[in-house]
Amino acid sequence: MSETKRKNFSGEFKAKVALEAVRGIKTVNEIGQEFGVHPTQVGMWKKELQEQASSLFDSKRGPKPADPSASPERLYSEIGRLKMELDWLKKKSGISQ
């Protein structure tokens, strides 16, 4: 048996081939021959690109949602807790201000 390794193609390469197929200037066979890929694979990448193209524009611009862990009340309570710990440690260690 012959041992052949599978070719791993980068996402950039796949996108390049798929875009070429979407343009429709060349046939799938010509594109496959040019890039060294089987025509069936070119067709699969083209189909995948067309199906996922709409998701590129789904995200909306604008301010990002505020992080709930950064709420002012939580931050002030954290500051108070740390200040109390610092005062306690100073008192225990004998350091005075």
N, C-alpha and C. Protein backbone atom coordinates (compact mmCIF):
# COMPACT_ATOMS: atom_id res chain seq x y z
N MET A 1 0.83 -1.19 0.00
CA MET A 1 0.00 0.00 0.00
C MET A 1 0.86 1.24 0.00
N SER A 2 0.41 2.21 -0.70
CA SER A 2 1.16 3.46 -0.71
C SER A 2 0.64 4.35 0.41
N GLU A 3 1.56 4.97 1.07
CA GLU A 3 1.18 5.87 2.16
C GLU A 3 1.27 7.30 1.64
N THR A 4 0.12 7.92 1.51
CA THR A 4 0.09 9.31 1.09
C THR A 4 -0.46 10.14 2.23
N LYS A 5 0.15 11.27 2.42
CA LYS A 5 -0.29 12.17 3.48
C LYS A 5 -1.38 13.06 2.94
N ARG A 6 -2.30 13.39 3.80
CA ARG A 6 -3.34 14.34 3.43
C ARG A 6 -2.75 15.73 3.38
N LYS A 7 -3.27 16.50 2.47
CA LYS A 7 -2.83 17.89 2.38
C LYS A 7 -3.69 18.71 3.33
N ASN A 8 -3.03 19.55 4.08
CA ASN A 8 -3.74 20.49 4.95
C ASN A 8 -3.62 21.88 4.35
N PHE A 9 -4.76 22.48 4.09
CA PHE A 9 -4.78 23.79 3.48
C PHE A 9 -5.16 24.83 4.53
N SER A 10 -4.54 25.98 4.45
CA SER A 10 -4.85 27.05 5.39
C SER A 10 -6.20 27.68 5.03
N GLY A 11 -6.77 28.35 5.99
CA GLY A 11 -8.03 29.04 5.76
C GLY A 11 -7.90 30.11 4.69
N GLU A 12 -6.75 30.75 4.66
CA GLU A 12 -6.50 31.79 3.66
C GLU A 12 -6.51 31.19 2.25
N PHE A 13 -5.88 30.03 2.11
CA PHE A 13 -5.84 29.36 0.81
C PHE A 13 -7.23 28.93 0.38
N LYS A 14 -7.99 28.37 1.31
CA LYS A 14 -9.34 27.92 1.00
C LYS A 14 -10.21 29.10 0.56
N ALA A 15 -10.08 30.22 1.26
CA ALA A 15 -10.86 31.41 0.92
C ALA A 15 -10.48 31.91 -0.47
N LYS A 16 -9.21 31.89 -0.77
CA LYS A 16 -8.73 32.34 -2.08
C LYS A 16 -9.33 31.49 -3.19
N VAL A 17 -9.30 30.17 -3.01
CA VAL A 17 -9.84 29.26 -4.02
C VAL A 17 -11.36 29.43 -4.12
N ALA A 18 -12.04 29.54 -2.98
CA ALA A 18 -13.49 29.68 -2.98
C ALA A 18 -13.93 30.98 -3.64
N LEU A 19 -13.21 32.05 -3.39
CA LEU A 19 -13.55 33.33 -4.02
C LEU A 19 -13.36 33.27 -5.53
N GLU A 20 -12.33 32.57 -5.93
CA GLU A 20 -12.10 32.40 -7.37
C GLU A 20 -13.27 31.63 -7.99
N ALA A 21 -13.78 30.64 -7.27
CA ALA A 21 -14.90 29.85 -7.77
C ALA A 21 -16.19 30.67 -7.79
N VAL A 22 -16.37 31.53 -6.80
CA VAL A 22 -17.57 32.36 -6.73
C VAL A 22 -17.59 33.37 -7.88
N ARG A 23 -16.43 33.87 -8.23
CA ARG A 23 -16.36 34.84 -9.34
C ARG A 23 -16.93 34.26 -10.63
N GLY A 24 -16.70 32.98 -10.86
CA GLY A 24 -17.28 32.31 -12.02
C GLY A 24 -16.57 32.58 -13.33
N ILE A 25 -15.39 33.15 -13.29
CA ILE A 25 -14.65 33.44 -14.52
C ILE A 25 -14.10 32.15 -15.12
N LYS A 26 -13.63 31.27 -14.26
CA LYS A 26 -13.07 29.99 -14.70
C LYS A 26 -13.98 28.86 -14.24
N THR A 27 -13.85 27.72 -14.86
CA THR A 27 -14.61 26.55 -14.43
C THR A 27 -13.97 25.97 -13.17
N VAL A 28 -14.75 25.14 -12.49
CA VAL A 28 -14.25 24.50 -11.28
C VAL A 28 -13.04 23.62 -11.60
N ASN A 29 -13.08 22.97 -12.76
CA ASN A 29 -11.95 22.13 -13.16
C ASN A 29 -10.69 22.97 -13.39
N GLU A 30 -10.83 24.11 -14.01
CA GLU A 30 -9.68 24.99 -14.24
C GLU A 30 -9.10 25.50 -12.92
N ILE A 31 -9.98 25.88 -12.01
CA ILE A 31 -9.53 26.37 -10.70
C ILE A 31 -8.81 25.26 -9.95
N GLY A 32 -9.38 24.07 -9.96
CA GLY A 32 -8.77 22.94 -9.28
C GLY A 32 -7.39 22.63 -9.84
N GLN A 33 -7.27 22.69 -11.14
CA GLN A 33 -5.98 22.42 -11.78
C GLN A 33 -4.97 23.52 -11.45
N GLU A 34 -5.42 24.76 -11.46
CA GLU A 34 -4.54 25.89 -11.17
C GLU A 34 -3.97 25.83 -9.75
N PHE A 35 -4.83 25.48 -8.78
CA PHE A 35 -4.41 25.49 -7.38
C PHE A 35 -3.99 24.12 -6.87
N GLY A 36 -4.10 23.09 -7.68
CA GLY A 36 -3.70 21.76 -7.26
C GLY A 36 -4.66 21.14 -6.27
N VAL A 37 -5.95 21.38 -6.47
CA VAL A 37 -6.99 20.88 -5.59
C VAL A 37 -8.02 20.14 -6.44
N HIS A 38 -8.63 19.12 -5.89
CA HIS A 38 -9.65 18.38 -6.62
C HIS A 38 -10.87 19.28 -6.84
N PRO A 39 -11.48 19.22 -8.03
CA PRO A 39 -12.64 20.07 -8.32
C PRO A 39 -13.79 19.90 -7.32
N THR A 40 -13.98 18.71 -6.79
CA THR A 40 -15.03 18.50 -5.79
C THR A 40 -14.74 19.33 -4.54
N GLN A 41 -13.47 19.39 -4.16
CA GLN A 41 -13.09 20.18 -2.99
C GLN A 41 -13.33 21.67 -3.25
N VAL A 42 -13.05 22.11 -4.46
CA VAL A 42 -13.30 23.52 -4.81
C VAL A 42 -14.79 23.82 -4.65
N GLY A 43 -15.64 22.92 -5.13
CA GLY A 43 -17.08 23.11 -5.01
C GLY A 43 -17.54 23.14 -3.56
N MET A 44 -16.94 22.30 -2.72
CA MET A 44 -17.31 22.28 -1.30
C MET A 44 -16.92 23.59 -0.61
N TRP A 45 -15.73 24.08 -0.93
CA TRP A 45 -15.28 25.35 -0.32
C TRP A 45 -16.14 26.51 -0.81
N LYS A 46 -16.52 26.49 -2.06
CA LYS A 46 -17.38 27.54 -2.61
C LYS A 46 -18.73 27.55 -1.89
N LYS A 47 -19.31 26.36 -1.72
CA LYS A 47 -20.60 26.23 -1.04
C LYS A 47 -20.49 26.72 0.41
N GLU A 48 -19.42 26.34 1.10
CA GLU A 48 -19.22 26.75 2.49
C GLU A 48 -19.08 28.27 2.59
N LEU A 49 -18.36 28.86 1.65
CA LEU A 49 -18.20 30.31 1.65
C LEU A 49 -19.54 31.01 1.45
N GLN A 50 -20.33 30.52 0.54
CA GLN A 50 -21.62 31.14 0.27
C GLN A 50 -22.57 31.00 1.46
N GLU A 51 -22.52 29.87 2.16
CA GLU A 51 -23.40 29.66 3.31
C GLU A 51 -23.01 30.52 4.50
N GLN A 52 -21.71 30.75 4.67
CA GLN A 52 -21.25 31.49 5.85
C GLN A 52 -21.00 32.97 5.59
N ALA A 53 -21.21 33.42 4.37
CA ALA A 53 -20.94 34.82 4.05
C ALA A 53 -21.85 35.77 4.81
N SER A 54 -23.10 35.39 5.03
CA SER A 54 -24.02 36.28 5.72
C SER A 54 -23.63 36.50 7.18
N SER A 55 -22.96 35.54 7.79
CA SER A 55 -22.57 35.70 9.19
C SER A 55 -21.47 36.74 9.37
N LEU A 56 -20.79 37.10 8.30
CA LEU A 56 -19.75 38.12 8.40
C LEU A 56 -20.33 39.48 8.74
N PHE A 57 -21.57 39.71 8.33
CA PHE A 57 -22.18 41.02 8.51
C PHE A 57 -23.24 41.03 9.60
N ASP A 58 -23.34 39.97 10.38
CA ASP A 58 -24.35 39.90 11.43
C ASP A 58 -24.04 40.80 12.62
N SER A 59 -22.79 40.93 12.96
CA SER A 59 -22.45 41.73 14.14
C SER A 59 -22.70 43.20 13.86
N LYS A 60 -23.24 43.88 14.85
CA LYS A 60 -23.56 45.30 14.69
C LYS A 60 -22.51 46.13 15.40
N ARG A 61 -22.30 47.29 14.85
CA ARG A 61 -21.35 48.22 15.48
C ARG A 61 -22.02 48.94 16.61
N GLY A 62 -21.21 49.62 17.36
CA GLY A 62 -21.75 50.39 18.46
C GLY A 62 -21.00 50.04 19.73
N PRO A 63 -21.42 50.64 20.83
CA PRO A 63 -20.73 50.36 22.08
C PRO A 63 -20.92 48.91 22.49
N LYS A 64 -19.87 48.35 23.00
CA LYS A 64 -19.94 46.97 23.48
C LYS A 64 -20.74 46.96 24.77
N PRO A 65 -21.43 45.87 25.05
CA PRO A 65 -22.19 45.81 26.29
C PRO A 65 -21.27 45.92 27.50
N ALA A 66 -21.75 46.61 28.51
CA ALA A 66 -20.95 46.83 29.71
C ALA A 66 -20.72 45.51 30.44
N ASP A 67 -19.54 45.35 30.95
CA ASP A 67 -19.19 44.15 31.69
C ASP A 67 -19.86 44.22 33.07
N PRO A 68 -20.75 43.29 33.38
CA PRO A 68 -21.46 43.38 34.66
C PRO A 68 -20.54 43.21 35.87
N SER A 69 -19.38 42.59 35.67
CA SER A 69 -18.48 42.41 36.81
C SER A 69 -17.78 43.73 37.17
N ALA A 70 -17.90 44.75 36.34
CA ALA A 70 -17.26 46.03 36.61
C ALA A 70 -18.25 47.07 37.13
N SER A 71 -19.34 46.61 37.74
CA SER A 71 -20.33 47.55 38.25
C SER A 71 -19.71 48.38 39.38
N PRO A 72 -20.11 49.64 39.49
CA PRO A 72 -19.52 50.53 40.53
C PRO A 72 -19.72 50.01 41.95
N GLU A 73 -20.90 49.44 42.25
CA GLU A 73 -21.13 48.95 43.61
C GLU A 73 -20.16 47.83 43.96
N ARG A 74 -19.95 46.92 43.02
CA ARG A 74 -19.05 45.81 43.27
C ARG A 74 -17.62 46.31 43.46
N LEU A 75 -17.22 47.30 42.66
CA LEU A 75 -15.87 47.83 42.77
C LEU A 75 -15.67 48.55 44.10
N TYR A 76 -16.66 49.34 44.53
CA TYR A 76 -16.55 50.05 45.80
C TYR A 76 -16.50 49.06 46.97
N SER A 77 -17.29 48.00 46.89
CA SER A 77 -17.25 47.02 47.98
C SER A 77 -15.90 46.31 48.01
N GLU A 78 -15.32 46.06 46.85
CA GLU A 78 -13.99 45.44 46.79
C GLU A 78 -12.93 46.37 47.40
N ILE A 79 -13.02 47.66 47.09
CA ILE A 79 -12.09 48.64 47.65
C ILE A 79 -12.21 48.66 49.18
N GLY A 80 -13.45 48.68 49.68
CA GLY A 80 -13.67 48.70 51.12
C GLY A 80 -13.10 47.46 51.79
N ARG A 81 -13.32 46.30 51.19
CA ARG A 81 -12.81 45.05 51.76
C ARG A 81 -11.29 45.06 51.80
N LEU A 82 -10.66 45.50 50.71
CA LEU A 82 -9.20 45.54 50.66
C LEU A 82 -8.62 46.54 51.66
N LYS A 83 -9.32 47.67 51.84
CA LYS A 83 -8.86 48.68 52.80
C LYS A 83 -8.91 48.11 54.22
N MET A 84 -9.98 47.38 54.51
CA MET A 84 -10.10 46.78 55.85
C MET A 84 -9.00 45.74 56.07
N GLU A 85 -8.72 44.92 55.05
CA GLU A 85 -7.65 43.93 55.17
C GLU A 85 -6.30 44.60 55.39
N LEU A 86 -6.05 45.69 54.67
CA LEU A 86 -4.79 46.42 54.80
C LEU A 86 -4.65 47.00 56.20
N ASP A 87 -5.73 47.61 56.72
CA ASP A 87 -5.69 48.16 58.07
C ASP A 87 -5.44 47.07 59.10
N TRP A 88 -6.08 45.92 58.95
CA TRP A 88 -5.91 44.81 59.87
C TRP A 88 -4.47 44.30 59.84
N LEU A 89 -3.90 44.18 58.62
CA LEU A 89 -2.53 43.70 58.50
C LEU A 89 -1.54 44.69 59.10
N LYS A 90 -1.79 45.98 58.90
CA LYS A 90 -0.93 47.00 59.51
C LYS A 90 -0.96 46.92 61.03
N LYS A 91 -2.17 46.73 61.58
CA LYS A 91 -2.33 46.67 63.02
C LYS A 91 -1.63 45.43 63.58
N LYS A 92 -1.78 44.29 62.92
CA LYS A 92 -1.16 43.05 63.37
C LYS A 92 0.36 43.10 63.29
N SER A 93 0.87 43.74 62.26
CA SER A 93 2.33 43.76 62.08
C SER A 93 3.00 44.86 62.90
N GLY A 94 2.22 45.80 63.43
CA GLY A 94 2.78 46.86 64.27
C GLY A 94 3.23 48.06 63.46
N ILE A 95 2.92 48.10 62.20
CA ILE A 95 3.27 49.26 61.38
C ILE A 95 2.24 50.35 61.61
N SER A 96 2.71 51.54 61.94
CA SER A 96 1.79 52.65 62.13
C SER A 96 2.02 53.69 61.03
N GLN A 97 0.99 54.47 60.83
CA GLN A 97 1.10 55.48 59.76
C GLN A 97 1.72 56.74 60.24
